[in-house]
Amino acid sequence: MKRDKSKAHLQPDSVDQRLKALEARLATLEDGEKIKKLMRAYGYYLDKQLWDQIVDLFSDDCSIEVSGRGVYLGKKRANTFFRSVLGGG
């Protein structure tokens, strides 16, 4: 018996595979939106010199490396960088 190609996309394995692929694509798109949101928040906080808020965007074990200025490890040192090097906030 010949398999009907027009209904092949309805096979359970095919549906599961498509669902997994779509879920992966959706997760990628959602991750991209989260990154864009983070970048907008960072830019806004930087423009407004809101150092407490900008430091909160970083992980506890963050590192900031600025050529000629050194490496700042951890949130406490990140806070030092933003307040002392960039100043004003």
Protein backbone atom coordinates (compact mmCIF):
# COMPACT_ATOMS: atom_id res chain seq x y z
CA MET A 1 0.00 0.00 0.00
CA LYS A 2 1.27 3.40 -1.01
CA ARG A 3 1.70 6.05 1.68
CA ASP A 4 -0.31 9.22 1.12
CA LYS A 5 2.27 12.03 1.11
CA SER A 6 -0.37 14.70 1.66
CA LYS A 7 -1.06 13.29 5.15
CA ALA A 8 2.57 12.62 6.06
CA HIS A 9 2.76 15.89 7.97
CA LEU A 10 0.03 14.60 10.27
CA GLN A 11 2.06 11.65 11.52
CA PRO A 12 2.58 11.84 15.33
CA ASP A 13 6.38 11.83 15.04
CA SER A 14 6.26 14.61 12.51
CA VAL A 15 3.88 16.67 14.65
CA ASP A 16 6.07 16.17 17.72
CA GLN A 17 9.17 17.15 15.76
CA ARG A 18 7.50 20.24 14.37
CA LEU A 19 6.23 21.19 17.82
CA LYS A 20 9.71 20.86 19.31
CA ALA A 21 11.19 22.91 16.47
CA LEU A 22 8.56 25.62 16.91
CA GLU A 23 9.09 25.68 20.67
CA ALA A 24 12.85 26.09 20.10
CA ARG A 25 12.26 28.94 17.63
CA LEU A 26 9.87 30.62 20.06
CA ALA A 27 12.39 30.32 22.90
CA THR A 28 15.04 31.90 20.68
CA LEU A 29 12.74 34.79 19.80
CA GLU A 30 11.77 35.30 23.45
CA ASP A 31 15.43 35.25 24.48
CA GLY A 32 16.17 37.87 21.84
CA GLU A 33 13.42 40.10 23.20
CA LYS A 34 14.79 39.73 26.74
CA ILE A 35 18.24 40.75 25.51
CA LYS A 36 16.79 43.81 23.74
CA LYS A 37 14.91 44.78 26.90
CA LEU A 38 18.10 44.41 28.95
CA MET A 39 20.06 46.54 26.48
CA ARG A 40 17.39 49.27 26.54
CA ALA A 41 17.38 49.30 30.34
CA TYR A 42 21.19 49.46 30.43
CA GLY A 43 21.25 52.36 27.97
CA TYR A 44 18.55 54.25 29.86
CA TYR A 45 20.23 53.77 33.24
CA LEU A 46 23.59 54.76 31.78
CA ASP A 47 22.16 57.93 30.21
CA LYS A 48 20.45 58.88 33.48
CA GLN A 49 23.44 57.84 35.63
CA LEU A 50 21.24 55.50 37.68
CA TRP A 51 24.14 53.47 39.02
CA ASP A 52 22.20 51.38 41.56
CA GLN A 53 19.81 50.24 38.85
CA ILE A 54 22.54 49.56 36.31
CA VAL A 55 24.55 47.46 38.78
CA ASP A 56 21.43 45.40 39.48
CA LEU A 57 21.50 44.31 35.82
CA PHE A 58 24.80 42.49 36.45
CA SER A 59 25.30 39.06 38.00
CA ASP A 60 27.00 38.77 41.39
CA ASP A 61 30.14 37.41 39.72
CA CYS A 62 30.25 39.96 36.89
CA SER A 63 33.38 41.45 35.46
CA ILE A 64 33.84 44.77 33.73
CA GLU A 65 37.06 45.27 31.82
CA VAL A 66 37.97 48.69 30.51
CA SER A 67 41.17 49.20 28.56
CA GLY A 68 43.53 51.40 30.52
CA ARG A 69 41.24 51.37 33.57
CA GLY A 70 41.50 47.77 34.74
CA VAL A 71 39.17 44.93 35.57
CA TYR A 72 36.32 45.24 38.05
CA LEU A 73 35.12 41.93 39.49
CA GLY A 74 31.78 41.50 41.26
CA LYS A 75 28.87 43.86 41.88
CA LYS A 76 30.69 45.85 44.55
CA ARG A 77 33.54 46.63 42.16
CA ALA A 78 31.08 47.26 39.31
CA ASN A 79 29.44 49.83 41.55
CA THR A 80 32.87 51.38 42.16
CA PHE A 81 33.47 51.52 38.41
CA PHE A 82 30.20 53.27 37.61
CA ARG A 83 30.40 55.76 40.48
CA SER A 84 34.13 56.50 40.46
CA VAL A 85 35.06 56.17 36.82
CA LEU A 86 31.86 57.35 35.18
CA GLY A 87 30.86 59.47 38.19
CA GLY A 88 27.97 61.76 38.79
CA GLY A 89 25.26 59.33 39.87
